[in-house]
Protein backbone atom coordinates (compact mmCIF):
# COMPACT_ATOMS: atom_id res chain seq x y z
CA MET A 1 165.90 -46.65 -115.08
CA ASP A 2 163.85 -43.70 -113.77
CA LEU A 3 162.65 -45.76 -110.81
CA LEU A 4 166.25 -46.70 -109.92
CA ASP A 5 167.33 -43.04 -110.12
CA PHE A 6 164.43 -42.12 -107.85
CA PHE A 7 165.51 -44.65 -105.17
CA ILE A 8 169.14 -43.59 -105.42
CA ARG A 9 168.20 -39.91 -105.05
CA SER A 10 165.84 -40.87 -102.25
CA ARG A 11 168.57 -42.69 -100.33
CA GLU A 12 171.02 -39.85 -100.88
CA ALA A 13 168.43 -37.35 -99.66
CA GLN A 14 167.69 -39.48 -96.61
CA ARG A 15 171.39 -39.83 -95.78
CA ALA A 16 171.91 -36.08 -96.20
CA LEU A 17 168.96 -35.37 -93.89
CA GLU A 18 170.33 -37.76 -91.26
CA GLU A 19 173.69 -36.00 -91.40
CA ALA A 20 172.06 -32.59 -91.14
CA ARG A 21 169.94 -33.59 -88.12
CA ALA A 22 172.68 -32.94 -85.54
CA ARG A 23 173.44 -29.50 -87.00
CA LEU A 24 169.75 -28.63 -87.14
CA TYR A 25 169.33 -29.70 -83.51
CA ARG A 26 172.30 -27.56 -82.36
CA VAL A 27 170.87 -24.49 -84.05
CA ALA A 28 167.32 -25.13 -82.86
CA TYR A 29 168.55 -25.61 -79.28
CA ALA A 30 170.61 -22.44 -79.50
CA TRP A 31 167.49 -20.57 -80.60
CA CYS A 32 165.01 -21.87 -78.01
CA HIS A 33 167.13 -23.29 -75.10
CA ASN A 34 164.63 -26.11 -74.69
CA ALA A 35 165.72 -29.64 -75.61
CA ALA A 36 162.21 -30.99 -76.19
CA LEU A 37 161.18 -28.01 -78.31
CA ALA A 38 164.42 -28.16 -80.31
CA ASP A 39 163.82 -31.86 -80.99
CA ASP A 40 160.24 -31.13 -82.08
CA LEU A 41 161.40 -28.34 -84.38
CA VAL A 42 164.02 -30.58 -86.00
CA GLN A 43 161.49 -33.38 -86.41
CA GLU A 44 159.04 -31.01 -88.07
CA THR A 45 161.80 -29.60 -90.27
CA LEU A 46 162.88 -33.05 -91.45
CA THR A 47 159.28 -34.11 -92.04
CA LYS A 48 158.63 -31.06 -94.19
CA ALA A 49 161.94 -31.54 -96.01
CA LEU A 50 161.12 -35.16 -96.87
CA ARG A 51 157.63 -34.24 -97.96
CA LYS A 52 158.83 -31.34 -100.12
CA SER A 53 162.13 -32.83 -101.31
CA ALA A 54 161.03 -32.48 -104.93
CA GLN A 55 161.12 -28.69 -104.50
CA LEU A 56 164.88 -28.72 -103.89
CA ARG A 57 166.38 -27.77 -107.24
CA ASP A 58 170.06 -27.56 -106.35
CA PRO A 59 171.44 -30.30 -104.05
CA LYS A 60 174.34 -27.95 -103.15
CA ALA A 61 171.84 -25.58 -101.52
CA ARG A 62 170.37 -28.34 -99.33
CA ASP A 63 171.78 -26.96 -96.06
CA ALA A 64 170.45 -23.46 -96.66
CA TRP A 65 167.12 -24.97 -97.66
CA LEU A 66 166.94 -27.07 -94.47
CA PHE A 67 167.84 -24.15 -92.21
CA THR A 68 165.24 -21.99 -93.95
CA ILE A 69 162.64 -24.65 -93.18
CA LEU A 70 163.88 -24.75 -89.56
CA ALA A 71 163.59 -20.96 -89.25
CA ASN A 72 160.05 -21.10 -90.64
CA CYS A 73 159.10 -23.89 -88.22
CA TYR A 74 160.53 -21.86 -85.33
CA ARG A 75 158.52 -18.78 -86.35
CA ASP A 76 155.37 -20.84 -86.85
CA HIS A 77 155.72 -22.41 -83.40
CA PHE A 78 155.81 -19.03 -81.67
CA ARG A 79 153.05 -17.67 -83.84
CA LYS A 80 150.82 -20.54 -82.72
CA THR A 81 151.68 -20.23 -79.02
CA ARG A 82 151.54 -16.44 -78.85
CA GLU A 83 148.88 -15.09 -76.52
CA MET A 84 146.22 -13.10 -78.28
CA ASP A 85 144.07 -10.41 -76.74
CA ASP A 86 140.55 -9.87 -77.91
CA ILE A 87 140.49 -6.28 -79.11
CA ASP A 88 136.84 -5.90 -78.14
CA GLU A 89 137.68 -6.65 -74.50
CA ILE A 90 140.55 -4.18 -74.20
CA GLU A 91 139.62 -1.08 -72.26
CA ILE A 92 141.54 2.02 -73.18
CA SER A 93 141.35 4.48 -70.36
CA HIS A 94 144.22 6.78 -69.70
CA GLU A 95 143.60 9.54 -67.26
CA THR A 96 146.45 11.55 -68.68
CA THR A 97 146.22 12.59 -72.26
CA PRO A 98 148.35 15.04 -74.19
CA GLU A 99 145.52 17.54 -73.97
CA SER A 100 145.15 17.20 -70.20
CA GLU A 101 148.92 17.43 -69.71
CA SER A 102 149.06 20.56 -71.85
CA SER A 103 146.14 22.09 -69.98
CA ARG A 104 147.73 21.22 -66.65
CA ALA A 105 151.06 22.75 -67.71
CA GLU A 106 149.24 25.91 -68.81
CA ILE A 107 147.46 26.19 -65.45
CA VAL A 108 150.68 25.60 -63.50
CA SER A 109 152.39 28.29 -65.55
CA MET A 110 149.56 30.76 -64.91
CA VAL A 111 149.52 30.07 -61.15
CA ARG A 112 153.32 30.42 -60.93
CA ALA A 113 153.14 33.73 -62.76
CA ALA A 114 150.38 34.91 -60.39
CA ILE A 115 152.42 33.87 -57.34
CA ALA A 116 155.48 35.66 -58.73
CA ARG A 117 153.48 38.93 -58.86
CA LEU A 118 152.67 38.74 -55.12
CA PRO A 119 154.69 40.63 -52.49
CA GLN A 120 157.39 38.56 -50.70
CA GLY A 121 155.43 37.93 -47.46
CA GLN A 122 152.28 36.85 -49.27
CA ARG A 123 154.30 34.68 -51.69
CA GLN A 124 155.94 32.86 -48.78
CA VAL A 125 152.66 32.20 -46.99
CA VAL A 126 150.69 31.06 -50.07
CA THR A 127 153.45 28.67 -51.19
CA LEU A 128 153.88 27.16 -47.73
CA VAL A 129 150.16 26.78 -46.99
CA ASP A 130 148.55 26.13 -50.39
CA LEU A 131 151.36 24.43 -52.28
CA GLU A 132 153.34 22.65 -49.56
CA GLY A 133 150.41 21.87 -47.26
CA PHE A 134 151.77 23.25 -44.02
CA SER A 135 149.30 24.31 -41.32
CA TYR A 136 148.98 27.94 -40.24
CA VAL A 137 150.77 27.14 -36.97
CA GLU A 138 153.68 25.49 -38.79
CA VAL A 139 153.99 28.43 -41.22
CA ALA A 140 153.95 30.86 -38.28
CA GLN A 141 156.83 28.91 -36.71
CA ILE A 142 158.75 28.67 -40.01
CA LEU A 143 158.48 32.41 -40.76
CA ASP A 144 158.63 33.42 -37.07
CA VAL A 145 155.56 35.67 -37.27
CA PRO A 146 152.22 35.56 -35.38
CA ILE A 147 149.51 33.24 -36.70
CA GLY A 148 147.17 36.22 -37.27
CA THR A 149 149.75 37.68 -39.68
CA ILE A 150 149.84 34.36 -41.54
CA MET A 151 146.04 34.34 -41.89
CA SER A 152 145.86 37.95 -43.11
CA ARG A 153 148.74 37.51 -45.59
CA LEU A 154 147.14 34.33 -46.90
CA CYS A 155 143.76 36.05 -47.31
CA ARG A 156 145.34 38.99 -49.16
CA ALA A 157 147.45 36.63 -51.32
CA ARG A 158 144.44 34.54 -52.32
CA ASN A 159 142.40 37.64 -53.16
CA ALA A 160 145.27 39.07 -55.22
CA MET A 161 145.68 35.76 -57.10
CA LYS A 162 141.94 35.67 -57.71
CA GLU A 163 142.09 39.13 -59.30
CA ILE A 164 145.11 38.12 -61.40
CA LEU A 165 143.60 34.83 -62.57
CA LEU A 166 139.92 35.89 -62.84
CA PRO A 167 140.06 37.20 -66.44
CA THR A 168 141.63 33.95 -67.64
CA ILE A 169 139.21 31.82 -65.64
CA GLN A 170 136.21 33.67 -67.09
CA GLN A 171 137.49 33.13 -70.63
CA ASN A 172 138.10 29.40 -70.18
CA PRO A 173 135.62 27.43 -68.02
CA ALA A 174 137.84 24.32 -68.10
CA ILE A 175 140.52 26.21 -66.18
CA ASN A 176 137.92 27.24 -63.62
CA ARG A 177 137.24 23.56 -62.86
CA ALA A 178 140.95 22.77 -62.66
CA ILE A 179 141.90 25.59 -60.26
CA ARG A 180 140.60 24.91 -56.78
CA ARG A 181 141.05 26.59 -53.47
CA ILE A 182 143.09 24.63 -50.97
CA LYS A 183 142.60 25.28 -47.26
């Protein structure tokens, strides 16, 4: 009698799996949008379900059990095909770090404060020449003053900024390397 019950349960399980195949395929296709992959996932799901059918305790929970197997097969597929990078071959080299950004912001703040302390004429010349990159001739045309005036204002502005920034530069050698004279 036990052998007959086994075959009856086996046939019922097989019939239930055949009925569930279309639903499994629809869900698998909806997940991956690839007909061949969806078919492979369903095939793997049904194979695992047949192999592990003894683990199903409640026949009413068969659908949930099958879809759980399908979800696991789907995850396993992408785990296997995922590209892996060898950690030893990865080079980590970022030129900007939080420390360098902070240091840069500190220098910019100091230079802005030094420029703000300059007289108007010197401030105009140093910002146009050193910060904006205009030539002396262009600055002379922009400000409508002789080129000699531009050169003398720029020289006085640079010397004044040097005096303003020198105590800070002497205290912190890293700032000295970061501040450079632009001609």
